[in-house]
Amino acid sequence: MSTKLYNGIKFKSNNIKEVLDQLISVKETAKKIAIDSISDRELSLFIATNKLLDKDCFTITRELIEAVDSNSYNKWSFVPRLHFSVVIYPTKEGDIYGYYFDSNKKEFRDLIEPFYTDFHYQNQTDPPTDVTEEEWDFRREKWDELIDYKFKDTGLTYELVTGDDLDIFDLEEKIKIVLDKLKREEKINQVIDK
């Protein structure tokens, strides 16, 4: 089986309270990045494909929050990817490792980068040029020790951004603009169809 731990990290601090404080310190910025990153196109697709065109901003936001937080995308289509979390693995040796899930948003990674050093690992490949064979083997052994089956089952998860971080006040204007545009397009399409 292939193991690819691209987002593996080792925190610079060995103090769990300090690591948590560091993550807490960037939570508000991460929330703002998430909200700002929702494009008009993503909102349009979410509203249109989920048949929310006749709903108000509050209802659309509530549906968006539920969709972002849902582990199942069976109910919704075209859900913006906004999650950002870090699973923390304190060790008996005193080191603190982690793995982050960042919805492929570089801005999220940049927020926490000052707090860690790279500790990624993947088998079936040679180590990067800046990592020795011994270090690569150590990473393999450490990740085997830290992760059993699922990341969240073996570490402590700190959620920096979830659907709950979205609220009507942050999204109301953006949703109104997108909703108005979609309704105008729908009216134009109705006229054309006649």
C-alpha atoms as a PDB file:
ATOM      1  CA  MET A   1       0.000   0.000   0.000  1.00  0.00           C
ATOM      2  CA  SER A   2       1.184   3.494  -0.802  1.00  0.00           C
ATOM      3  CA  THR A   3       1.579   6.015   2.018  1.00  0.00           C
ATOM      4  CA  LYS A   4       1.542   9.715   1.138  1.00  0.00           C
ATOM      5  CA  LEU A   5       1.645  12.152   4.037  1.00  0.00           C
ATOM      6  CA  TYR A   6       2.149  15.401   2.147  1.00  0.00           C
ATOM      7  CA  ASN A   7       0.992  17.667   4.971  1.00  0.00           C
ATOM      8  CA  GLY A   8       2.949  16.060   7.794  1.00  0.00           C
ATOM      9  CA  ILE A   9       4.549  18.570  10.145  1.00  0.00           C
ATOM     10  CA  LYS A  10       6.562  18.785  13.341  1.00  0.00           C
ATOM     11  CA  PHE A  11       5.756  21.741  15.554  1.00  0.00           C
ATOM     12  CA  LYS A  12       8.692  23.879  16.589  1.00  0.00           C
ATOM     13  CA  SER A  13       7.306  24.097  20.111  1.00  0.00           C
ATOM     14  CA  ASN A  14       7.257  21.106  22.460  1.00  0.00           C
ATOM     15  CA  ASN A  15       4.584  22.754  24.606  1.00  0.00           C
ATOM     16  CA  ILE A  16       1.036  21.643  23.756  1.00  0.00           C
ATOM     17  CA  LYS A  17      -0.452  24.820  25.269  1.00  0.00           C
ATOM     18  CA  GLU A  18       1.819  26.976  23.100  1.00  0.00           C
ATOM     19  CA  VAL A  19       0.890  24.978  19.976  1.00  0.00           C
ATOM     20  CA  LEU A  20      -2.805  25.393  20.751  1.00  0.00           C
ATOM     21  CA  ASP A  21      -2.344  29.125  21.425  1.00  0.00           C
ATOM     22  CA  GLN A  22      -0.560  29.477  18.075  1.00  0.00           C
ATOM     23  CA  LEU A  23      -3.435  27.814  16.239  1.00  0.00           C
ATOM     24  CA  ILE A  24      -6.016  29.875  18.127  1.00  0.00           C
ATOM     25  CA  SER A  25      -4.102  33.043  17.218  1.00  0.00           C
ATOM     26  CA  VAL A  26      -4.701  32.471  13.479  1.00  0.00           C
ATOM     27  CA  LYS A  27      -8.286  31.184  13.637  1.00  0.00           C
ATOM     28  CA  GLU A  28      -9.965  34.543  12.910  1.00  0.00           C
ATOM     29  CA  THR A  29      -7.651  35.195   9.977  1.00  0.00           C
ATOM     30  CA  ALA A  30      -8.348  31.691   8.639  1.00  0.00           C
ATOM     31  CA  LYS A  31     -12.096  32.343   8.909  1.00  0.00           C
ATOM     32  CA  LYS A  32     -11.727  35.576   6.940  1.00  0.00           C
ATOM     33  CA  ILE A  33      -9.644  33.813   4.278  1.00  0.00           C
ATOM     34  CA  ALA A  34     -12.313  31.120   3.957  1.00  0.00           C
ATOM     35  CA  ILE A  35     -15.156  33.598   3.570  1.00  0.00           C
ATOM     36  CA  ASP A  36     -13.202  35.796   1.140  1.00  0.00           C
ATOM     37  CA  SER A  37     -12.225  32.761  -0.907  1.00  0.00           C
ATOM     38  CA  ILE A  38     -15.820  31.834  -1.737  1.00  0.00           C
ATOM     39  CA  SER A  39     -16.107  33.044  -5.304  1.00  0.00           C
ATOM     40  CA  ASP A  40     -19.271  34.320  -6.937  1.00  0.00           C
ATOM     41  CA  ARG A  41     -19.025  31.359  -9.284  1.00  0.00           C
ATOM     42  CA  GLU A  42     -18.905  28.871  -6.400  1.00  0.00           C
ATOM     43  CA  LEU A  43     -21.886  30.551  -4.755  1.00  0.00           C
ATOM     44  CA  SER A  44     -23.795  30.648  -8.035  1.00  0.00           C
ATOM     45  CA  LEU A  45     -23.192  26.962  -8.649  1.00  0.00           C
ATOM     46  CA  PHE A  46     -24.155  26.080  -5.083  1.00  0.00           C
ATOM     47  CA  ILE A  47     -27.377  28.120  -5.207  1.00  0.00           C
ATOM     48  CA  ALA A  48     -28.435  27.029  -8.696  1.00  0.00           C
ATOM     49  CA  THR A  49     -27.620  23.327  -8.509  1.00  0.00           C
ATOM     50  CA  ASN A  50     -29.150  22.947  -5.061  1.00  0.00           C
ATOM     51  CA  LYS A  51     -32.380  24.690  -6.139  1.00  0.00           C
ATOM     52  CA  LEU A  52     -32.035  27.554  -3.678  1.00  0.00           C
ATOM     53  CA  LEU A  53     -32.826  30.351  -6.123  1.00  0.00           C
ATOM     54  CA  ASP A  54     -36.178  31.096  -4.480  1.00  0.00           C
ATOM     55  CA  LYS A  55     -34.707  31.115  -0.938  1.00  0.00           C
ATOM     56  CA  ASP A  56     -33.598  34.075   1.179  1.00  0.00           C
ATOM     57  CA  CYS A  57     -29.981  34.833   2.195  1.00  0.00           C
ATOM     58  CA  PHE A  58     -30.450  33.351   5.672  1.00  0.00           C
ATOM     59  CA  THR A  59     -31.728  30.034   4.288  1.00  0.00           C
ATOM     60  CA  ILE A  60     -28.955  29.860   1.696  1.00  0.00           C
ATOM     61  CA  THR A  61     -26.318  30.540   4.363  1.00  0.00           C
ATOM     62  CA  ARG A  62     -27.814  27.888   6.638  1.00  0.00           C
ATOM     63  CA  GLU A  63     -27.755  25.367   3.781  1.00  0.00           C
ATOM     64  CA  LEU A  64     -24.168  26.344   2.926  1.00  0.00           C
ATOM     65  CA  ILE A  65     -23.067  25.876   6.554  1.00  0.00           C
ATOM     66  CA  GLU A  66     -24.709  22.468   6.693  1.00  0.00           C
ATOM     67  CA  ALA A  67     -23.213  21.463   3.343  1.00  0.00           C
ATOM     68  CA  VAL A  68     -19.671  22.559   4.275  1.00  0.00           C
ATOM     69  CA  ASP A  69     -19.885  20.663   7.575  1.00  0.00           C
ATOM     70  CA  SER A  70     -21.415  17.553   6.062  1.00  0.00           C
ATOM     71  CA  ASN A  71     -19.229  14.530   5.467  1.00  0.00           C
ATOM     72  CA  SER A  72     -21.673  13.419   2.802  1.00  0.00           C
ATOM     73  CA  TYR A  73     -22.074  15.413  -0.375  1.00  0.00           C
ATOM     74  CA  ASN A  74     -25.048  13.315  -1.463  1.00  0.00           C
ATOM     75  CA  LYS A  75     -27.547  16.013  -0.519  1.00  0.00           C
ATOM     76  CA  TRP A  76     -25.682  18.986  -2.033  1.00  0.00           C
ATOM     77  CA  SER A  77     -23.799  19.743  -5.203  1.00  0.00           C
ATOM     78  CA  PHE A  78     -20.887  22.109  -5.785  1.00  0.00           C
ATOM     79  CA  VAL A  79     -20.060  22.774  -2.144  1.00  0.00           C
ATOM     80  CA  PRO A  80     -17.163  25.242  -1.671  1.00  0.00           C
ATOM     81  CA  ARG A  81     -14.196  23.563   0.035  1.00  0.00           C
ATOM     82  CA  LEU A  82     -13.453  25.597   3.135  1.00  0.00           C
ATOM     83  CA  HIS A  83     -12.327  23.252   5.891  1.00  0.00           C
ATOM     84  CA  PHE A  84      -9.044  23.858   7.636  1.00  0.00           C
ATOM     85  CA  SER A  85      -7.991  21.661  10.534  1.00  0.00           C
ATOM     86  CA  VAL A  86      -4.863  20.364  12.186  1.00  0.00           C
ATOM     87  CA  VAL A  87      -4.585  16.989  13.883  1.00  0.00           C
ATOM     88  CA  ILE A  88      -2.048  17.206  16.713  1.00  0.00           C
ATOM     89  CA  TYR A  89       0.024  14.239  17.883  1.00  0.00           C
ATOM     90  CA  PRO A  90       1.917  14.829  21.151  1.00  0.00           C
ATOM     91  CA  THR A  91       4.492  12.117  21.839  1.00  0.00           C
ATOM     92  CA  LYS A  92       5.886  10.674  25.050  1.00  0.00           C
ATOM     93  CA  GLU A  93       9.308  11.988  23.966  1.00  0.00           C
ATOM     94  CA  GLY A  94       7.907  15.521  24.146  1.00  0.00           C
ATOM     95  CA  ASP A  95       7.779  16.292  20.429  1.00  0.00           C
ATOM     96  CA  ILE A  96       4.527  17.416  18.840  1.00  0.00           C
ATOM     97  CA  TYR A  97       3.700  16.335  15.303  1.00  0.00           C
ATOM     98  CA  GLY A  98       0.735  17.256  13.183  1.00  0.00           C
ATOM     99  CA  TYR A  99      -1.108  16.809   9.940  1.00  0.00           C
ATOM    100  CA  TYR A 100      -3.141  19.603   8.376  1.00  0.00           C
ATOM    101  CA  PHE A 101      -6.140  19.495   6.072  1.00  0.00           C
ATOM    102  CA  ASP A 102      -6.324  22.772   4.193  1.00  0.00           C
ATOM    103  CA  SER A 103      -8.804  22.406   1.293  1.00  0.00           C
ATOM    104  CA  ASN A 104      -5.872  23.115  -1.035  1.00  0.00           C
ATOM    105  CA  LYS A 105      -5.743  26.758   0.000  1.00  0.00           C
ATOM    106  CA  LYS A 106      -2.164  27.993   0.149  1.00  0.00           C
ATOM    107  CA  GLU A 107      -3.303  30.917   2.305  1.00  0.00           C
ATOM    108  CA  PHE A 108      -4.238  28.452   5.067  1.00  0.00           C
ATOM    109  CA  ARG A 109      -0.823  26.781   4.941  1.00  0.00           C
ATOM    110  CA  ASP A 110       0.910  30.147   5.052  1.00  0.00           C
ATOM    111  CA  LEU A 111      -0.872  30.988   8.323  1.00  0.00           C
ATOM    112  CA  ILE A 112       0.575  28.077  10.255  1.00  0.00           C
ATOM    113  CA  GLU A 113       3.929  27.762   8.473  1.00  0.00           C
ATOM    114  CA  PRO A 114       5.843  29.797  11.108  1.00  0.00           C
ATOM    115  CA  PHE A 115       4.831  27.222  13.750  1.00  0.00           C
ATOM    116  CA  TYR A 116       6.258  24.053  12.194  1.00  0.00           C
ATOM    117  CA  THR A 117       8.935  22.372  10.157  1.00  0.00           C
ATOM    118  CA  ASP A 118       8.152  20.014   7.310  1.00  0.00           C
ATOM    119  CA  PHE A 119       7.760  16.383   8.331  1.00  0.00           C
ATOM    120  CA  HIS A 120       6.052  14.903   5.265  1.00  0.00           C
ATOM    121  CA  TYR A 121       6.640  11.332   4.221  1.00  0.00           C
ATOM    122  CA  GLN A 122       5.712   9.057   1.376  1.00  0.00           C
ATOM    123  CA  ASN A 123       6.883   5.543   0.729  1.00  0.00           C
ATOM    124  CA  GLN A 124       7.727   4.115  -2.661  1.00  0.00           C
ATOM    125  CA  THR A 125       9.958   7.107  -3.385  1.00  0.00           C
ATOM    126  CA  ASP A 126      13.401   8.348  -2.550  1.00  0.00           C
ATOM    127  CA  PRO A 127      13.708  11.051   0.075  1.00  0.00           C
ATOM    128  CA  PRO A 128      13.906  14.668  -1.078  1.00  0.00           C
ATOM    129  CA  THR A 129      17.458  15.911  -1.622  1.00  0.00           C
ATOM    130  CA  ASP A 130      17.413  17.883   1.633  1.00  0.00           C
ATOM    131  CA  VAL A 131      16.415  14.834   3.755  1.00  0.00           C
ATOM    132  CA  THR A 132      18.875  12.056   4.625  1.00  0.00           C
ATOM    133  CA  GLU A 133      18.007   8.356   4.318  1.00  0.00           C
ATOM    134  CA  GLU A 134      18.156   8.082   8.123  1.00  0.00           C
ATOM    135  CA  GLU A 135      15.733  11.011   8.536  1.00  0.00           C
ATOM    136  CA  TRP A 136      13.413   9.533   5.899  1.00  0.00           C
ATOM    137  CA  ASP A 137      13.396   6.178   7.721  1.00  0.00           C
ATOM    138  CA  PHE A 138      12.764   7.973  11.011  1.00  0.00           C
ATOM    139  CA  ARG A 139       9.772   9.776   9.476  1.00  0.00           C
ATOM    140  CA  ARG A 140       8.362   6.472   8.221  1.00  0.00           C
ATOM    141  CA  GLU A 141       8.714   4.890  11.659  1.00  0.00           C
ATOM    142  CA  LYS A 142       7.269   7.941  13.412  1.00  0.00           C
ATOM    143  CA  TRP A 143       4.200   8.152  11.150  1.00  0.00           C
ATOM    144  CA  ASP A 144       3.650   4.391  11.517  1.00  0.00           C
ATOM    145  CA  GLU A 145       3.723   4.908  15.287  1.00  0.00           C
ATOM    146  CA  LEU A 146       1.443   7.987  15.267  1.00  0.00           C
ATOM    147  CA  ILE A 147      -1.276   6.989  12.811  1.00  0.00           C
ATOM    148  CA  ASP A 148      -3.159   3.768  13.146  1.00  0.00           C
ATOM    149  CA  TYR A 149      -5.988   3.924  10.622  1.00  0.00           C
ATOM    150  CA  LYS A 150      -7.580   7.369  10.565  1.00  0.00           C
ATOM    151  CA  PHE A 151      -5.872  10.653  11.404  1.00  0.00           C
ATOM    152  CA  LYS A 152      -8.635  11.833  13.720  1.00  0.00           C
ATOM    153  CA  ASP A 153      -8.729   8.564  15.669  1.00  0.00           C
ATOM    154  CA  THR A 154      -5.161   8.877  16.897  1.00  0.00           C
ATOM    155  CA  GLY A 155      -4.654  12.607  17.435  1.00  0.00           C
ATOM    156  CA  LEU A 156      -6.327  15.733  18.737  1.00  0.00           C
ATOM    157  CA  THR A 157      -8.119  17.744  16.055  1.00  0.00           C
ATOM    158  CA  TYR A 158      -8.238  21.533  16.154  1.00  0.00           C
ATOM    159  CA  GLU A 159     -10.706  22.951  13.629  1.00  0.00           C
ATOM    160  CA  LEU A 160      -9.604  26.344  12.343  1.00  0.00           C
ATOM    161  CA  VAL A 161     -12.422  26.676   9.769  1.00  0.00           C
ATOM    162  CA  THR A 162     -15.702  24.778   9.565  1.00  0.00           C
ATOM    163  CA  GLY A 163     -19.135  25.619   8.198  1.00  0.00           C
ATOM    164  CA  ASP A 164     -20.012  27.066  11.599  1.00  0.00           C
ATOM    165  CA  ASP A 165     -17.497  29.834  10.917  1.00  0.00           C
ATOM    166  CA  LEU A 166     -19.716  31.145   8.133  1.00  0.00           C
ATOM    167  CA  ASP A 167     -22.482  33.462   9.192  1.00  0.00           C
ATOM    168  CA  ILE A 168     -25.159  35.549   7.559  1.00  0.00           C
ATOM    169  CA  PHE A 169     -23.442  38.836   8.394  1.00  0.00           C
ATOM    170  CA  ASP A 170     -20.224  37.843   6.653  1.00  0.00           C
ATOM    171  CA  LEU A 171     -21.929  36.457   3.560  1.00  0.00           C
ATOM    172  CA  GLU A 172     -25.157  38.445   3.236  1.00  0.00           C
ATOM    173  CA  GLU A 173     -23.931  41.026   0.706  1.00  0.00           C
ATOM    174  CA  LYS A 174     -22.086  38.450  -1.375  1.00  0.00           C
ATOM    175  CA  ILE A 175     -25.133  36.151  -1.453  1.00  0.00           C
ATOM    176  CA  LYS A 176     -27.463  39.057  -2.329  1.00  0.00           C
ATOM    177  CA  ILE A 177     -25.304  40.061  -5.304  1.00  0.00           C
ATOM    178  CA  VAL A 178     -25.072  36.486  -6.587  1.00  0.00           C
ATOM    179  CA  LEU A 179     -28.774  35.850  -6.011  1.00  0.00           C
ATOM    180  CA  ASP A 180     -29.767  39.022  -7.890  1.00  0.00           C
ATOM    181  CA  LYS A 181     -27.512  38.056 -10.791  1.00  0.00           C
ATOM    182  CA  LEU A 182     -28.959  34.543 -10.944  1.00  0.00           C
ATOM    183  CA  LYS A 183     -32.527  35.867 -10.850  1.00  0.00           C
ATOM    184  CA  ARG A 184     -31.751  38.326 -13.682  1.00  0.00           C
ATOM    185  CA  GLU A 185     -30.280  35.491 -15.731  1.00  0.00           C
ATOM    186  CA  GLU A 186     -33.324  33.346 -15.036  1.00  0.00           C
ATOM    187  CA  LYS A 187     -35.654  36.146 -16.228  1.00  0.00           C
ATOM    188  CA  ILE A 188     -33.592  36.629 -19.375  1.00  0.00           C
ATOM    189  CA  ASN A 189     -33.728  32.882 -20.045  1.00  0.00           C
ATOM    190  CA  GLN A 190     -37.511  32.909 -19.573  1.00  0.00           C
ATOM    191  CA  VAL A 191     -37.890  35.745 -22.086  1.00  0.00           C
ATOM    192  CA  ILE A 192     -35.632  33.958 -24.566  1.00  0.00           C
ATOM    193  CA  ASP A 193     -37.588  30.713 -24.145  1.00  0.00           C
ATOM    194  CA  LYS A 194     -40.893  32.420 -25.005  1.00  0.00           C
END
